[in-house]
């Protein structure tokens, strides 16, 4: 019989000699090949592939001399340090569902369609998609709803479909990168071990200048279509369908979104701001929208489609709920466990010393981080794993250079989140092509935000702008 103290001592990993470079390379390359071949050749579930990668990494770690208890402790450590972000992941689904129930998202769409003008169609569409993606935290949901509407309007106006699709994806990606309820935004912050708002604040340094540049270009490009006409009948149909399902007083329905943004600016913790906005949205749904209270509360687990009569809009209004986050949440937990093994067994450090340590210039480090995210998307066809592995690979170098880890999370998003939709064989590229009806390589040259943001980031790094040092943004509420 062992005492609790003896058990605790047994669970402490005994440090073994680090792996040789060839061992680390074999382990890491095996993981990449396993995921790439499993996804593209055999079409195996990504979660199953991560499980096999865990087994592969565990076997290599056992060969180094670590016990099973030590390996499990590595996995535990990888997950435990990310618990705050895991709580946020759970809240994201409930925030989205409550915003759907309260009419917040419907109001954004309803009032946003009023902005459309032939001469400013591209610019206004870009802003509208940006707002929708920030509010919903999803580029796919934005492209699959307002994107489908805008692609039809653009086609009716005679605007080239690749140009309209590029505008839609640029706006949709803006929120997917910046929204506090976006899964990739939270995943990047969690993987880099930085605060969510610190991560978002860091991204503003490079994203806002890029947004202004892209908006200016779309405005100029849109002027040549000023003499074309909007399909007013279709716009009226959408607005009428929304007005028939929700009461549309923006002073009421937009309050949850304003509360969340306001509390975020005041630096309240993400959990507090999301919880407050969710509770307010539930209250509005029951009292103002006159919805059944039981149904509204159940939507926090699994939302139900809307009943506007327009399929794409109904699908959007049915998004959200804790259940909807299960795929990403489970994948993240498994990938974090994998990262814990790779880090604590020394595989990542050995690779780092050989491949990345020679980097001296900060701007080169930023460019290498962005290139790593792009390469991960090209190889694995999925941004989630690319984000996690890139953060784990580069984290120590950023710390050694006294760079705030929010710079790491920002650079990883600019390499992973922004480029995944530009690659034909990624899940995002396939989704956009299927949803908007435009081949990936046709719309890619017009996704200006996705293309310019990484370049702006590298350019600013060369000039020494936006390179936050450790200790910046430390205050939290």
Foldseek 3Di string as FASTA:
>chain_A
DDDPVVVVVVLAKDFFDFDALVLLVVLVVVLLCLLQCCCPPVNHDNLVSLVVNLVSLVVSLVVSPIDPSNLVVLLVVLQVLLVVLLLLLLLLQLLLLLLLLLCQLVLLLLVLVVPDAQLLNLLSLLQSLLVNCLNNLALLLSCLAVVQVSLVQCVQLVHDSLQSLLSSSLSNLNNVCQHLSHLLLSLLCSLLSHASLLLNVLLCQQQVVLSVVLSVVSSVVSNVSNPTDTPVVVSVLSSVLSVVQFPRDCVQSNVLVVQLVVVVVVQAGNVVSSVVSSVSSLVSSCPVRVDDSVLSVVVQAFFAFDDSVDVSNRVSSRGGHSPNSVSVSSSSSSLSSSLSSCVSSNSLVNCCVPPPVVDDAPLVLLVVLLQQQQVSCVSNLENSNSSNVSSSNCSVVCVVVQFASSSSSSSNCLNHSLCSCLDCRHPNVVSSCVSSVDHSPSNNVNNSSSVCSSVSSSVCSVVVPSRHGPPPPPDHD
